[in-house]
Structures are given as structure tokens and as C-alpha cells.
Amino acid sequence: FILYDVESLENSFEGIEESYGWSLAFGQFSNTDSYFAIVEFVYPNTPAAEAGIKRGDIIVEISNSDITENNYRELLNSKAINITMGVVINDAISTGGLVEMTARVLHLNPVVFTNIIEEEGHKIGYLFYAQYIAEYNSSLDTAFQHFKDEQITDLVLDLRYNPGGGTNAAQHLCSSLDP
């Protein structure tokens, strides 16, 4: 691909992005040219989190206009945004509330969420890891040390929204999976 802003790409490999702090998936309404976005997850302490946006929310408009092939990138790249949330009513999506946000330079720790679930005598560790970023290997170490201290018996490693990243971070993660 062709890229004009190499510095932003390099920063993103280190978890530094000017962003709203969300991950979005896009879809298209049937028989229209209109798109919608579904929030896959929201990083804590980001403009999206502060605006009350959460996983599963639907976005249906940008600046009171339909989301289209020509403007959907504004949800990812604009400095400030005005969006209309969608609301599901009777199996249809209607317009809901308005949200305004301003992007900030964020340091996005890819260890987004950890938890321990106890079920039928098992202690199950859960780790949501959003991207392979070596600068945050210490966050992985902290999470795995917590799991070790709590003597988990099983681990769920959630990589669903992980787009990839640096091989050093991937190697570090794999090396951390010590039985």
C-alpha cells in the first residue's frame, strides 16, 4: 500500500495514535448505499469511553448525514466528529442520540482487559489482547504474573480484534504461555 504519513504508521506500531479510542466494524444497510458502524470495543480512558460509547453500540450517521463509502473514514481519521447513534427497535435500526468527540493522541495499551472466572473448580484467566506492540510487553508480564499468582487452571486468550503488529511482541506473548 502507499502511505504518505510514515510517522503515524510507526507511532501506531508503538500504540500511539490520534484517535477516539475505539475499534469499529462496518456494514452496509440492505439495498442502499448507506453504511453503519458497530463498536467492537472501546479502550478505557479515551474520548469514546468518556462519551459513554461501549461495545455493541451502532453508529448510523456522521454530521447528520448517512455514512457512505465517501465519508466512513471520518470515523477513524477525523480530528473531531459528531455522530448519531443507532437504536434497535422492533428488529429495525432507528436514530438515537447525538455524540460529539474530539480525537486525542492516545497511548493504547493492547492489554485491554483481564479477568478471572471461577467455574466448576477451574480458575479461568481471560486476556483481551488488541495488538502486538512490544512497548507493552511489560503489561503482558503483569497480566500473566497475576494469573500465575491466582493459580489459574485455564486461559482464554482473546485475539478476535487483533490486527497484528510486531513479531517481537508476538514472540513475547507466545513465550509467556508457559504451562
N, C-alpha and C. Protein backbone atom coordinates (compact mmCIF):
# COMPACT_ATOMS: atom_id res chain seq x y z
N PHE A 1 0.84 -1.17 0.00
CA PHE A 1 0.00 0.00 0.00
C PHE A 1 0.88 1.23 0.00
N ILE A 2 0.31 2.34 -0.37
CA ILE A 2 1.02 3.61 -0.40
C ILE A 2 0.62 4.41 0.83
N LEU A 3 1.60 4.96 1.50
CA LEU A 3 1.35 5.70 2.72
C LEU A 3 2.12 7.01 2.66
N TYR A 4 1.46 8.09 2.98
CA TYR A 4 2.10 9.40 2.96
C TYR A 4 2.55 9.85 4.34
N ASP A 5 2.04 9.23 5.38
CA ASP A 5 2.36 9.62 6.74
C ASP A 5 3.02 8.46 7.47
N VAL A 6 4.31 8.27 7.21
CA VAL A 6 5.06 7.16 7.79
C VAL A 6 5.15 7.30 9.31
N GLU A 7 5.27 8.52 9.80
CA GLU A 7 5.39 8.74 11.24
C GLU A 7 4.16 8.21 11.98
N SER A 8 2.97 8.45 11.45
CA SER A 8 1.75 7.94 12.10
C SER A 8 1.74 6.42 12.11
N LEU A 9 2.18 5.80 11.01
CA LEU A 9 2.25 4.34 10.96
C LEU A 9 3.22 3.81 12.00
N GLU A 10 4.41 4.41 12.07
CA GLU A 10 5.39 3.97 13.06
C GLU A 10 4.88 4.17 14.48
N ASN A 11 4.21 5.29 14.73
CA ASN A 11 3.63 5.53 16.05
C ASN A 11 2.58 4.47 16.39
N SER A 12 1.75 4.10 15.41
CA SER A 12 0.72 3.10 15.68
C SER A 12 1.33 1.75 16.06
N PHE A 13 2.51 1.44 15.52
CA PHE A 13 3.19 0.21 15.91
C PHE A 13 3.64 0.26 17.37
N GLU A 14 3.71 1.47 17.94
CA GLU A 14 4.08 1.64 19.33
C GLU A 14 2.87 1.92 20.22
N GLY A 15 1.66 1.87 19.62
CA GLY A 15 0.45 2.09 20.38
C GLY A 15 0.09 3.56 20.55
N ILE A 16 0.73 4.43 19.76
CA ILE A 16 0.46 5.86 19.86
C ILE A 16 -0.36 6.27 18.63
N GLU A 17 -1.58 6.73 18.89
CA GLU A 17 -2.47 7.11 17.79
C GLU A 17 -3.30 8.32 18.20
N GLU A 18 -3.58 9.18 17.22
CA GLU A 18 -4.59 10.21 17.45
C GLU A 18 -5.91 9.56 17.09
N SER A 19 -6.74 9.40 18.08
CA SER A 19 -7.88 8.51 17.92
C SER A 19 -8.97 8.86 18.91
N TYR A 20 -10.12 8.21 18.71
CA TYR A 20 -11.21 8.28 19.69
C TYR A 20 -11.11 7.12 20.68
N GLY A 21 -10.27 6.13 20.37
CA GLY A 21 -10.06 5.01 21.28
C GLY A 21 -11.06 3.88 21.11
N TRP A 22 -11.46 3.64 19.87
CA TRP A 22 -12.41 2.56 19.62
C TRP A 22 -11.95 1.71 18.45
N SER A 23 -12.54 0.55 18.35
CA SER A 23 -12.37 -0.31 17.18
C SER A 23 -13.76 -0.50 16.59
N LEU A 24 -13.86 -0.30 15.27
CA LEU A 24 -15.14 -0.37 14.60
C LEU A 24 -15.16 -1.44 13.51
N ALA A 25 -16.31 -2.02 13.31
CA ALA A 25 -16.58 -2.89 12.16
C ALA A 25 -17.67 -2.19 11.35
N PHE A 26 -17.62 -2.34 10.05
CA PHE A 26 -18.58 -1.64 9.19
C PHE A 26 -19.47 -2.62 8.45
N GLY A 27 -20.68 -2.20 8.22
CA GLY A 27 -21.64 -2.96 7.43
C GLY A 27 -22.41 -2.01 6.54
N GLN A 28 -23.20 -2.59 5.65
CA GLN A 28 -23.99 -1.79 4.73
C GLN A 28 -25.45 -2.19 4.85
N PHE A 29 -26.32 -1.18 4.95
CA PHE A 29 -27.74 -1.45 5.00
C PHE A 29 -28.19 -2.06 3.67
N SER A 30 -29.07 -3.04 3.72
CA SER A 30 -29.55 -3.72 2.51
C SER A 30 -30.18 -2.74 1.53
N ASN A 31 -29.88 -2.94 0.26
CA ASN A 31 -30.48 -2.18 -0.84
C ASN A 31 -30.26 -0.68 -0.74
N THR A 32 -29.15 -0.25 -0.10
CA THR A 32 -28.84 1.18 -0.01
C THR A 32 -27.35 1.38 -0.21
N ASP A 33 -26.95 2.64 -0.28
CA ASP A 33 -25.53 2.98 -0.30
C ASP A 33 -25.07 3.43 1.08
N SER A 34 -25.92 3.25 2.08
CA SER A 34 -25.62 3.71 3.43
C SER A 34 -24.96 2.61 4.25
N TYR A 35 -23.96 3.03 5.03
CA TYR A 35 -23.22 2.13 5.91
C TYR A 35 -23.64 2.38 7.35
N PHE A 36 -23.18 1.49 8.22
CA PHE A 36 -23.28 1.67 9.67
C PHE A 36 -21.99 1.12 10.26
N ALA A 37 -21.71 1.53 11.48
CA ALA A 37 -20.54 1.02 12.20
C ALA A 37 -21.01 0.40 13.50
N ILE A 38 -20.39 -0.71 13.85
CA ILE A 38 -20.64 -1.35 15.13
C ILE A 38 -19.36 -1.26 15.95
N VAL A 39 -19.48 -0.84 17.19
CA VAL A 39 -18.33 -0.69 18.07
C VAL A 39 -17.92 -2.08 18.55
N GLU A 40 -16.70 -2.48 18.16
CA GLU A 40 -16.18 -3.79 18.59
C GLU A 40 -15.69 -3.73 20.04
N PHE A 41 -14.94 -2.68 20.36
CA PHE A 41 -14.51 -2.46 21.73
C PHE A 41 -14.06 -1.02 21.88
N VAL A 42 -13.96 -0.59 23.13
CA VAL A 42 -13.53 0.76 23.46
C VAL A 42 -12.41 0.66 24.49
N TYR A 43 -11.31 1.34 24.21
CA TYR A 43 -10.23 1.41 25.20
C TYR A 43 -10.69 2.28 26.37
N PRO A 44 -10.28 1.96 27.59
CA PRO A 44 -10.63 2.79 28.74
C PRO A 44 -9.94 4.16 28.66
N ASN A 45 -10.54 5.15 29.29
CA ASN A 45 -9.96 6.50 29.42
C ASN A 45 -9.66 7.15 28.08
N THR A 46 -10.58 7.01 27.14
CA THR A 46 -10.44 7.60 25.81
C THR A 46 -11.68 8.45 25.52
N PRO A 47 -11.63 9.27 24.46
CA PRO A 47 -12.82 10.06 24.14
C PRO A 47 -14.08 9.21 23.96
N ALA A 48 -13.97 8.05 23.33
CA ALA A 48 -15.14 7.19 23.14
C ALA A 48 -15.67 6.69 24.48
N ALA A 49 -14.79 6.26 25.35
CA ALA A 49 -15.22 5.78 26.68
C ALA A 49 -15.85 6.91 27.48
N GLU A 50 -15.24 8.09 27.43
CA GLU A 50 -15.77 9.23 28.17
C GLU A 50 -17.13 9.68 27.63
N ALA A 51 -17.39 9.41 26.34
CA ALA A 51 -18.68 9.77 25.75
C ALA A 51 -19.75 8.71 26.04
N GLY A 52 -19.36 7.63 26.72
CA GLY A 52 -20.32 6.59 27.07
C GLY A 52 -20.52 5.55 25.99
N ILE A 53 -19.68 5.55 24.98
CA ILE A 53 -19.79 4.56 23.91
C ILE A 53 -19.23 3.24 24.41
N LYS A 54 -19.90 2.14 24.04
CA LYS A 54 -19.49 0.83 24.52
C LYS A 54 -19.63 -0.22 23.42
N ARG A 55 -19.06 -1.37 23.70
CA ARG A 55 -19.10 -2.49 22.77
C ARG A 55 -20.55 -2.77 22.36
N GLY A 56 -20.77 -2.96 21.05
CA GLY A 56 -22.08 -3.29 20.53
C GLY A 56 -22.90 -2.09 20.10
N ASP A 57 -22.47 -0.88 20.47
CA ASP A 57 -23.19 0.31 20.02
C ASP A 57 -23.13 0.42 18.50
N ILE A 58 -24.15 1.05 17.94
CA ILE A 58 -24.27 1.20 16.49
C ILE A 58 -24.21 2.69 16.17
N ILE A 59 -23.45 3.04 15.14
CA ILE A 59 -23.35 4.41 14.66
C ILE A 59 -23.97 4.45 13.27
N VAL A 60 -24.91 5.39 13.05
CA VAL A 60 -25.64 5.39 11.78
C VAL A 60 -25.46 6.66 10.96
N GLU A 61 -24.94 7.74 11.58
CA GLU A 61 -24.75 8.99 10.83
C GLU A 61 -23.50 9.71 11.30
N ILE A 62 -22.93 10.47 10.37
CA ILE A 62 -21.83 11.38 10.67
C ILE A 62 -22.31 12.78 10.30
N SER A 63 -22.26 13.70 11.24
CA SER A 63 -22.68 15.09 11.00
C SER A 63 -24.06 15.16 10.35
N ASN A 64 -24.99 14.40 10.90
CA ASN A 64 -26.39 14.36 10.44
C ASN A 64 -26.55 13.89 9.00
N SER A 65 -25.56 13.17 8.48
CA SER A 65 -25.64 12.59 7.14
C SER A 65 -25.39 11.10 7.20
N ASP A 66 -25.93 10.38 6.26
CA ASP A 66 -25.68 8.94 6.20
C ASP A 66 -24.20 8.65 6.11
N ILE A 67 -23.79 7.52 6.64
CA ILE A 67 -22.42 7.05 6.48
C ILE A 67 -22.34 6.38 5.11
N THR A 68 -21.37 6.79 4.31
CA THR A 68 -21.25 6.27 2.94
C THR A 68 -19.81 5.83 2.68
N GLU A 69 -19.62 5.30 1.51
CA GLU A 69 -18.28 4.91 1.07
C GLU A 69 -17.34 6.11 1.05
N ASN A 70 -17.88 7.29 0.84
CA ASN A 70 -17.06 8.50 0.74
C ASN A 70 -16.69 9.13 2.08
N ASN A 71 -17.45 8.85 3.15
CA ASN A 71 -17.17 9.54 4.41
C ASN A 71 -16.90 8.62 5.61
N TYR A 72 -17.00 7.31 5.46
CA TYR A 72 -16.88 6.43 6.63
C TYR A 72 -15.52 6.54 7.31
N ARG A 73 -14.48 6.90 6.55
CA ARG A 73 -13.14 7.02 7.14
C ARG A 73 -13.05 8.13 8.18
N GLU A 74 -14.00 9.07 8.14
CA GLU A 74 -14.03 10.13 9.16
C GLU A 74 -14.17 9.54 10.56
N LEU A 75 -14.82 8.40 10.67
CA LEU A 75 -14.97 7.74 11.97
C LEU A 75 -13.62 7.26 12.51
N LEU A 76 -12.65 7.14 11.64
CA LEU A 76 -11.34 6.64 12.04
C LEU A 76 -10.27 7.73 12.04
N ASN A 77 -10.41 8.74 11.17
CA ASN A 77 -9.31 9.65 10.94
C ASN A 77 -9.57 11.12 11.22
N SER A 78 -10.78 11.52 11.50
CA SER A 78 -11.05 12.94 11.68
C SER A 78 -10.59 13.41 13.06
N LYS A 79 -10.37 14.70 13.18
CA LYS A 79 -9.91 15.29 14.44
C LYS A 79 -11.07 15.50 15.42
N ALA A 80 -12.25 15.74 14.88
CA ALA A 80 -13.44 15.91 15.71
C ALA A 80 -14.62 15.35 14.93
N ILE A 81 -15.61 14.88 15.66
CA ILE A 81 -16.71 14.20 14.98
C ILE A 81 -18.02 14.41 15.74
N ASN A 82 -19.08 14.40 14.99
CA ASN A 82 -20.44 14.48 15.51
C ASN A 82 -21.17 13.27 14.92
N ILE A 83 -21.58 12.33 15.75
CA ILE A 83 -22.19 11.10 15.25
C ILE A 83 -23.58 10.90 15.82
N THR A 84 -24.38 10.16 15.09
CA THR A 84 -25.71 9.76 15.54
C THR A 84 -25.67 8.27 15.84
N MET A 85 -26.06 7.92 17.04
CA MET A 85 -26.09 6.52 17.44
C MET A 85 -27.35 5.88 16.90
N GLY A 86 -27.29 4.58 16.70
CA GLY A 86 -28.45 3.82 16.28
C GLY A 86 -29.08 3.10 17.46
N VAL A 87 -30.37 2.89 17.36
CA VAL A 87 -31.12 2.19 18.40
C VAL A 87 -31.94 1.10 17.71
N VAL A 88 -31.86 -0.12 18.22
CA VAL A 88 -32.63 -1.21 17.64
C VAL A 88 -34.02 -1.22 18.29
N ILE A 89 -35.04 -1.05 17.45
CA ILE A 89 -36.43 -1.09 17.91
C ILE A 89 -37.21 -1.99 16.96
N ASN A 90 -37.81 -3.05 17.52
CA ASN A 90 -38.60 -4.00 16.71
C ASN A 90 -37.82 -4.51 15.49
N ASP A 91 -36.60 -4.96 15.74
CA ASP A 91 -35.73 -5.52 14.70
C ASP A 91 -35.36 -4.54 13.60
N ALA A 92 -35.49 -3.24 13.86
CA ALA A 92 -35.07 -2.21 12.90
C ALA A 92 -34.18 -1.22 13.64
N ILE A 93 -33.30 -0.56 12.89
CA ILE A 93 -32.41 0.42 13.49
C ILE A 93 -32.96 1.82 13.23
N SER A 94 -33.17 2.55 14.31
CA SER A 94 -33.63 3.94 14.24
C SER A 94 -32.53 4.85 14.77
N THR A 95 -32.66 6.13 14.50
CA THR A 95 -31.66 7.06 15.02
C THR A 95 -31.89 7.31 16.50
N GLY A 96 -30.78 7.44 17.19
CA GLY A 96 -30.83 7.69 18.63
C GLY A 96 -30.16 9.01 18.95
N GLY A 97 -29.39 9.03 20.01
CA GLY A 97 -28.76 10.25 20.49
C GLY A 97 -27.56 10.68 19.67
N LEU A 98 -27.19 11.94 19.86
CA LEU A 98 -26.03 12.52 19.21
C LEU A 98 -24.84 12.50 20.17
N VAL A 99 -23.65 12.27 19.61
CA VAL A 99 -22.42 12.25 20.39
C VAL A 99 -21.39 13.09 19.65
N GLU A 100 -20.71 13.97 20.38
CA GLU A 100 -19.61 14.75 19.82
C GLU A 100 -18.33 14.34 20.53
N MET A 101 -17.26 14.19 19.74
CA MET A 101 -15.97 13.82 20.32
C MET A 101 -14.85 14.53 19.59
N THR A 102 -13.75 14.72 20.30
CA THR A 102 -12.52 15.24 19.72
C THR A 102 -11.44 14.19 19.93
N ALA A 103 -10.73 13.85 18.86
CA ALA A 103 -9.66 12.85 18.95
C ALA A 103 -8.51 13.41 19.80
N ARG A 104 -7.80 12.49 20.46
CA ARG A 104 -6.62 12.85 21.23
C ARG A 104 -5.49 11.89 20.87
N VAL A 105 -4.27 12.33 21.11
CA VAL A 105 -3.14 11.42 20.97
C VAL A 105 -3.19 10.50 22.18
N LEU A 106 -3.32 9.22 21.91
CA LEU A 106 -3.50 8.21 22.95
C LEU A 106 -2.36 7.21 22.92
N HIS A 107 -2.00 6.71 24.07
CA HIS A 107 -1.07 5.59 24.19
C HIS A 107 -1.93 4.39 24.54
N LEU A 108 -2.20 3.56 23.53
CA LEU A 108 -3.18 2.48 23.64
C LEU A 108 -2.52 1.17 24.06
N ASN A 109 -2.67 0.84 25.32
CA ASN A 109 -2.13 -0.40 25.86
C ASN A 109 -2.95 -1.55 25.30
N PRO A 110 -2.32 -2.49 24.57
CA PRO A 110 -3.08 -3.58 23.96
C PRO A 110 -3.62 -4.62 24.94
N VAL A 111 -3.15 -4.60 26.18
CA VAL A 111 -3.74 -5.46 27.21
C VAL A 111 -4.96 -4.69 27.72
N VAL A 112 -6.06 -4.86 27.02
CA VAL A 112 -7.25 -4.04 27.26
C VAL A 112 -8.01 -4.51 28.49
N PHE A 113 -8.08 -5.82 28.69
CA PHE A 113 -8.92 -6.34 29.77
C PHE A 113 -8.42 -7.70 30.21
N THR A 114 -8.39 -7.90 31.52
CA THR A 114 -8.11 -9.22 32.09
C THR A 114 -9.18 -9.52 33.14
N ASN A 115 -9.40 -10.80 33.34
CA ASN A 115 -10.38 -11.21 34.34
C ASN A 115 -10.09 -12.65 34.74
N ILE A 116 -10.58 -13.02 35.89
CA ILE A 116 -10.50 -14.42 36.32
C ILE A 116 -11.91 -14.86 36.66
N ILE A 117 -12.30 -15.97 36.06
CA ILE A 117 -13.65 -16.52 36.25
C ILE A 117 -13.49 -17.88 36.91
N GLU A 118 -14.24 -18.10 37.97
CA GLU A 118 -14.21 -19.40 38.63
C GLU A 118 -15.46 -20.17 38.23
N GLU A 119 -15.23 -21.37 37.70
CA GLU A 119 -16.34 -22.18 37.17
C GLU A 119 -16.02 -23.65 37.39
N GLU A 120 -16.86 -24.34 38.15
CA GLU A 120 -16.75 -25.79 38.37
C GLU A 120 -15.34 -26.22 38.75
N GLY A 121 -14.76 -25.52 39.72
CA GLY A 121 -13.44 -25.89 40.22
C GLY A 121 -12.28 -25.42 39.36
N HIS A 122 -12.55 -24.70 38.32
CA HIS A 122 -11.49 -24.16 37.46
C HIS A 122 -11.39 -22.65 37.68
N LYS A 123 -10.17 -22.17 37.65
CA LYS A 123 -9.91 -20.73 37.64
C LYS A 123 -9.47 -20.40 36.21
N ILE A 124 -10.32 -19.69 35.52
CA ILE A 124 -10.09 -19.41 34.10
C ILE A 124 -9.65 -17.96 33.96
N GLY A 125 -8.43 -17.77 33.46
CA GLY A 125 -7.93 -16.44 33.17
C GLY A 125 -8.41 -16.00 31.79
N TYR A 126 -8.80 -14.75 31.68
CA TYR A 126 -9.23 -14.19 30.40
C TYR A 126 -8.35 -12.97 30.11
N LEU A 127 -7.77 -12.94 28.90
CA LEU A 127 -6.91 -11.83 28.48
C LEU A 127 -7.36 -11.36 27.10
N PHE A 128 -7.77 -10.10 27.03
CA PHE A 128 -8.11 -9.47 25.75
C PHE A 128 -6.90 -8.66 25.32
N TYR A 129 -6.26 -9.11 24.23
CA TYR A 129 -5.02 -8.51 23.72
C TYR A 129 -5.28 -7.96 22.33
N ALA A 130 -5.24 -6.63 22.20
CA ALA A 130 -5.74 -5.96 21.00
C ALA A 130 -4.72 -5.80 19.88
N GLN A 131 -3.42 -5.86 20.16
CA GLN A 131 -2.43 -5.67 19.10
C GLN A 131 -1.06 -6.08 19.63
N TYR A 132 -0.21 -6.58 18.76
CA TYR A 132 1.14 -6.97 19.15
C TYR A 132 2.03 -5.73 19.15
N ILE A 133 2.25 -5.16 20.34
CA ILE A 133 3.07 -3.96 20.49
C ILE A 133 4.11 -4.23 21.57
N ALA A 134 5.38 -4.32 21.17
CA ALA A 134 6.46 -4.70 22.08
C ALA A 134 6.63 -3.73 23.24
N GLU A 135 6.33 -2.45 23.03
CA GLU A 135 6.47 -1.47 24.10
C GLU A 135 5.59 -1.80 25.30
N TYR A 136 4.60 -2.67 25.11
CA TYR A 136 3.69 -3.03 26.20
C TYR A 136 3.90 -4.48 26.65
N ASN A 137 5.05 -5.07 26.35
CA ASN A 137 5.31 -6.43 26.83
C ASN A 137 5.26 -6.51 28.35
N SER A 138 5.63 -5.42 29.03
CA SER A 138 5.57 -5.43 30.49
C SER A 138 4.12 -5.54 30.98
N SER A 139 3.17 -5.02 30.21
CA SER A 139 1.76 -5.18 30.57
C SER A 139 1.34 -6.64 30.47
N LEU A 140 1.85 -7.33 29.46
CA LEU A 140 1.60 -8.78 29.36
C LEU A 140 2.21 -9.50 30.55
N ASP A 141 3.43 -9.12 30.88
CA ASP A 141 4.10 -9.76 32.03
C ASP A 141 3.29 -9.59 33.30
N THR A 142 2.76 -8.39 33.51
CA THR A 142 1.95 -8.11 34.69
C THR A 142 0.69 -8.98 34.70
N ALA A 143 0.03 -9.07 33.56
CA ALA A 143 -1.19 -9.88 33.46
C ALA A 143 -0.89 -11.35 33.74
N PHE A 144 0.17 -11.88 33.14
CA PHE A 144 0.49 -13.29 33.34
C PHE A 144 0.97 -13.56 34.76
N GLN A 145 1.66 -12.61 35.36
CA GLN A 145 2.07 -12.80 36.76
C GLN A 145 0.83 -12.85 37.66
N HIS A 146 -0.15 -12.00 37.37
CA HIS A 146 -1.40 -12.02 38.14
C HIS A 146 -2.09 -13.38 37.98
N PHE A 147 -2.14 -13.89 36.75
CA PHE A 147 -2.76 -15.20 36.52
C PHE A 147 -2.00 -16.29 37.29
N LYS A 148 -0.67 -16.19 37.28
CA LYS A 148 0.15 -17.19 37.99
C LYS A 148 -0.10 -17.09 39.50
N ASP A 149 -0.12 -15.87 40.02
CA ASP A 149 -0.36 -15.68 41.45
C ASP A 149 -1.73 -16.22 41.86
N GLU A 150 -2.70 -16.10 40.98
CA GLU A 150 -4.05 -16.58 41.27
C GLU A 150 -4.23 -18.06 40.93
N GLN A 151 -3.17 -18.68 40.42
CA GLN A 151 -3.15 -20.12 40.10
C GLN A 151 -4.28 -20.53 39.17
N ILE A 152 -4.38 -19.82 38.05
CA ILE A 152 -5.41 -20.19 37.08
C ILE A 152 -5.12 -21.58 36.53
N THR A 153 -6.17 -22.27 36.14
CA THR A 153 -6.02 -23.61 35.56
C THR A 153 -6.22 -23.59 34.05
N ASP A 154 -6.85 -22.55 33.54
CA ASP A 154 -7.14 -22.44 32.11
C ASP A 154 -6.96 -20.98 31.70
N LEU A 155 -6.78 -20.76 30.40
CA LEU A 155 -6.62 -19.41 29.89
C LEU A 155 -7.41 -19.24 28.60
N VAL A 156 -8.16 -18.15 28.53
CA VAL A 156 -8.81 -17.73 27.29
C VAL A 156 -8.02 -16.53 26.80
N LEU A 157 -7.41 -16.66 25.64
CA LEU A 157 -6.65 -15.57 25.02
C LEU A 157 -7.49 -15.03 23.87
N ASP A 158 -8.02 -13.84 24.05
CA ASP A 158 -8.94 -13.23 23.07
C ASP A 158 -8.14 -12.36 22.12
N LEU A 159 -7.98 -12.82 20.89
CA LEU A 159 -7.28 -12.10 19.83
C LEU A 159 -8.22 -11.72 18.70
N ARG A 160 -9.53 -11.72 18.96
CA ARG A 160 -10.51 -11.50 17.89
C ARG A 160 -10.28 -10.24 17.08
N TYR A 161 -9.92 -9.15 17.72
CA TYR A 161 -9.82 -7.88 17.00
C TYR A 161 -8.37 -7.44 16.81
N ASN A 162 -7.44 -8.36 17.03
CA ASN A 162 -6.02 -8.06 16.93
C ASN A 162 -5.61 -8.06 15.45
N PRO A 163 -5.21 -6.90 14.92
CA PRO A 163 -4.84 -6.84 13.50
C PRO A 163 -3.40 -7.27 13.21
N GLY A 164 -2.66 -7.61 14.26
CA GLY A 164 -1.26 -7.99 14.06
C GLY A 164 -0.36 -6.99 14.74
N GLY A 165 0.84 -6.83 14.20
CA GLY A 165 1.79 -5.89 14.79
C GLY A 165 3.20 -6.44 14.71
N GLY A 166 3.99 -6.20 15.75
CA GLY A 166 5.39 -6.58 15.74
C GLY A 166 5.63 -8.02 16.13
N THR A 167 6.59 -8.64 15.45
CA THR A 167 6.90 -10.05 15.75
C THR A 167 7.52 -10.21 17.13
N ASN A 168 8.25 -9.20 17.61
CA ASN A 168 8.83 -9.30 18.96
C ASN A 168 7.73 -9.43 20.01
N ALA A 169 6.66 -8.68 19.84
CA ALA A 169 5.55 -8.76 20.79
C ALA A 169 4.83 -10.11 20.67
N ALA A 170 4.67 -10.59 19.45
CA ALA A 170 4.02 -11.89 19.24
C ALA A 170 4.86 -13.00 19.88
N GLN A 171 6.17 -12.94 19.70
CA GLN A 171 7.06 -13.92 20.31
C GLN A 171 6.98 -13.84 21.83
N HIS A 172 6.93 -12.64 22.36
CA HIS A 172 6.86 -12.45 23.80
C HIS A 172 5.57 -13.07 24.35
N LEU A 173 4.47 -12.84 23.65
CA LEU A 173 3.19 -13.43 24.08
C LEU A 173 3.30 -14.95 24.09
N CYS A 174 3.80 -15.51 23.01
CA CYS A 174 3.90 -16.98 22.93
C CYS A 174 4.83 -17.53 24.01
N SER A 175 5.90 -16.84 24.28
CA SER A 175 6.85 -17.28 25.32
C SER A 175 6.23 -17.18 26.71
N SER A 176 5.25 -16.30 26.86
CA SER A 176 4.59 -16.12 28.16
C SER A 176 3.59 -17.22 28.46
N LEU A 177 3.22 -17.98 27.47
CA LEU A 177 2.22 -19.05 27.63
C LEU A 177 2.90 -20.31 28.14
N ASP A 178 3.43 -20.23 29.33
CA ASP A 178 4.14 -21.35 29.94
C ASP A 178 3.14 -22.19 30.73
N PRO A 179 3.05 -23.49 30.38
CA PRO A 179 2.07 -24.34 31.08
C PRO A 179 2.42 -24.53 32.48
